[in-house]
């Protein structure tokens, strides 16, 4: 048993220096300044923005956090419309369209314009 243990210890000691060379990271040199890099790639950077209007899902102007069961298509919506119509006031808040917008950036990676 001791000879097997010695062989294992020798194998570990023999491979330990090899692990040092594997573990040492390569030191790559980056650009001296970002200005030279941005000059090289500035034509490839794009700004992407999109805006949509969702007419199917409307919201009311009375706040973003409506409780469940309140709003267009709710069970008591007809009751509220009738109540305000009888009082001559109409519904206090009219539905409006929901707008959604997004913004991002990317790089042109192909001469055909693929971003």
Protein backbone atom coordinates (compact mmCIF):
# COMPACT_ATOMS: atom_id res chain seq x y z
CA UNK A 1 0.00 0.00 0.00
CA UNK A 2 2.76 2.38 0.75
CA UNK A 3 4.30 1.87 -2.68
CA UNK A 4 0.96 2.67 -4.35
CA UNK A 5 0.64 5.74 -2.20
CA UNK A 6 4.17 6.85 -3.12
CA UNK A 7 3.46 6.38 -6.83
CA UNK A 8 0.32 8.50 -6.52
CA UNK A 9 2.25 11.21 -4.68
CA UNK A 10 4.97 11.21 -7.36
CA UNK A 11 2.36 11.47 -10.11
CA UNK A 12 0.76 14.44 -8.39
CA UNK A 13 4.11 16.15 -7.87
CA UNK A 14 5.09 15.51 -11.48
CA UNK A 15 1.90 17.04 -12.90
CA UNK A 16 1.72 20.01 -10.50
CA UNK A 17 4.09 22.22 -12.58
CA UNK A 18 2.00 21.54 -15.69
CA UNK A 19 -1.10 22.89 -13.95
CA UNK A 20 0.71 26.20 -13.42
CA UNK A 21 1.12 26.74 -17.14
CA UNK A 22 -2.50 25.85 -17.83
CA UNK A 23 -3.81 28.14 -15.08
CA UNK A 24 -1.80 31.24 -16.04
CA UNK A 25 -4.13 33.42 -18.15
CA UNK A 26 -2.90 34.86 -21.39
CA UNK A 27 -2.42 38.58 -21.09
CA UNK A 28 -4.04 40.07 -24.16
CA UNK A 29 -3.42 43.74 -24.83
CA UNK A 30 -6.51 45.85 -25.38
CA UNK A 31 -6.70 49.08 -27.35
CA UNK A 32 -4.74 52.04 -26.03
CA UNK A 33 -7.86 54.18 -26.01
CA UNK A 34 -11.54 53.79 -26.76
CA UNK A 35 -11.45 56.62 -29.27
CA UNK A 36 -9.47 54.59 -31.80
CA UNK A 37 -11.85 51.63 -31.35
CA UNK A 38 -14.95 53.82 -31.71
CA UNK A 39 -13.53 55.39 -34.86
CA UNK A 40 -13.12 51.94 -36.39
CA UNK A 41 -16.63 50.68 -35.58
CA UNK A 42 -18.79 53.84 -35.47
CA UNK A 43 -20.36 53.18 -38.87
CA UNK A 44 -21.56 49.77 -37.66
CA UNK A 45 -23.39 50.99 -34.52
CA UNK A 46 -27.14 51.51 -34.93
CA UNK A 47 -29.92 52.93 -32.77
CA UNK A 48 -33.22 51.03 -32.89
CA UNK A 49 -36.50 52.48 -31.64
CA UNK A 50 -40.06 51.22 -32.05
CA UNK A 51 -43.49 52.55 -31.06
CA UNK A 52 -46.78 50.67 -31.26
CA UNK A 53 -50.38 51.61 -30.54
CA UNK A 54 -52.56 48.80 -29.24
CA UNK A 55 -56.19 49.70 -29.94
CA UNK A 56 -57.45 46.28 -28.88
CA UNK A 57 -56.36 46.69 -25.25
CA UNK A 58 -57.51 50.06 -23.99
CA UNK A 59 -56.88 51.52 -20.56
CA UNK A 60 -58.73 54.11 -18.55
CA UNK A 61 -57.16 57.39 -17.49
CA UNK A 62 -57.95 56.83 -13.82
CA UNK A 63 -54.67 55.16 -12.95
CA UNK A 64 -52.47 52.24 -13.84
CA UNK A 65 -53.55 50.00 -10.93
CA UNK A 66 -57.22 49.22 -11.45
CA UNK A 67 -58.66 46.64 -9.07
CA UNK A 68 -59.89 43.35 -10.54
CA UNK A 69 -63.36 43.61 -12.08
CA UNK A 70 -63.06 47.30 -13.00
CA UNK A 71 -62.51 48.60 -16.51
CA UNK A 72 -63.79 47.93 -20.03
CA UNK A 73 -65.53 44.58 -20.33
CA UNK A 74 -65.84 44.14 -16.55
CA UNK A 75 -69.03 42.56 -15.16
CA UNK A 76 -70.34 45.85 -13.69
CA UNK A 77 -69.22 48.11 -16.55
CA UNK A 78 -72.75 48.32 -17.99
CA UNK A 79 -74.15 49.17 -14.56
CA UNK A 80 -71.71 52.05 -14.13
CA UNK A 81 -72.43 53.39 -17.63
CA UNK A 82 -76.18 53.37 -16.93
CA UNK A 83 -75.68 55.04 -13.55
CA UNK A 84 -73.65 57.92 -14.97
CA UNK A 85 -75.91 58.26 -18.03
CA UNK A 86 -78.99 58.72 -15.78
CA UNK A 87 -77.21 61.41 -13.81
CA UNK A 88 -76.32 63.19 -17.05
CA UNK A 89 -72.60 63.00 -16.45
CA UNK A 90 -71.51 60.26 -18.80
CA UNK A 91 -68.69 57.97 -17.86
CA UNK A 92 -66.03 59.94 -15.96
CA UNK A 93 -63.07 58.46 -17.81
CA UNK A 94 -63.07 57.45 -21.45
CA UNK A 95 -60.93 54.55 -22.68
CA UNK A 96 -57.72 55.46 -24.43
CA UNK A 97 -55.31 53.53 -26.61
CA UNK A 98 -52.27 51.92 -25.03
CA UNK A 99 -48.93 53.08 -26.42
CA UNK A 100 -45.79 51.03 -26.09
CA UNK A 101 -42.29 52.09 -27.04
CA UNK A 102 -38.87 50.50 -26.86
CA UNK A 103 -35.30 51.57 -27.48
CA UNK A 104 -32.11 49.63 -28.11
CA UNK A 105 -28.81 49.59 -29.92
CA UNK A 106 -26.89 47.05 -31.94
CA UNK A 107 -24.19 46.43 -34.50
CA UNK A 108 -24.42 45.86 -38.23
CA UNK A 109 -22.70 42.51 -38.66
CA UNK A 110 -23.22 41.96 -42.38
CA UNK A 111 -22.96 44.25 -45.44
CA UNK A 112 -26.58 43.36 -46.31
CA UNK A 113 -27.71 45.16 -43.14
CA UNK A 114 -28.24 42.34 -40.65
CA UNK A 115 -28.16 43.77 -37.12
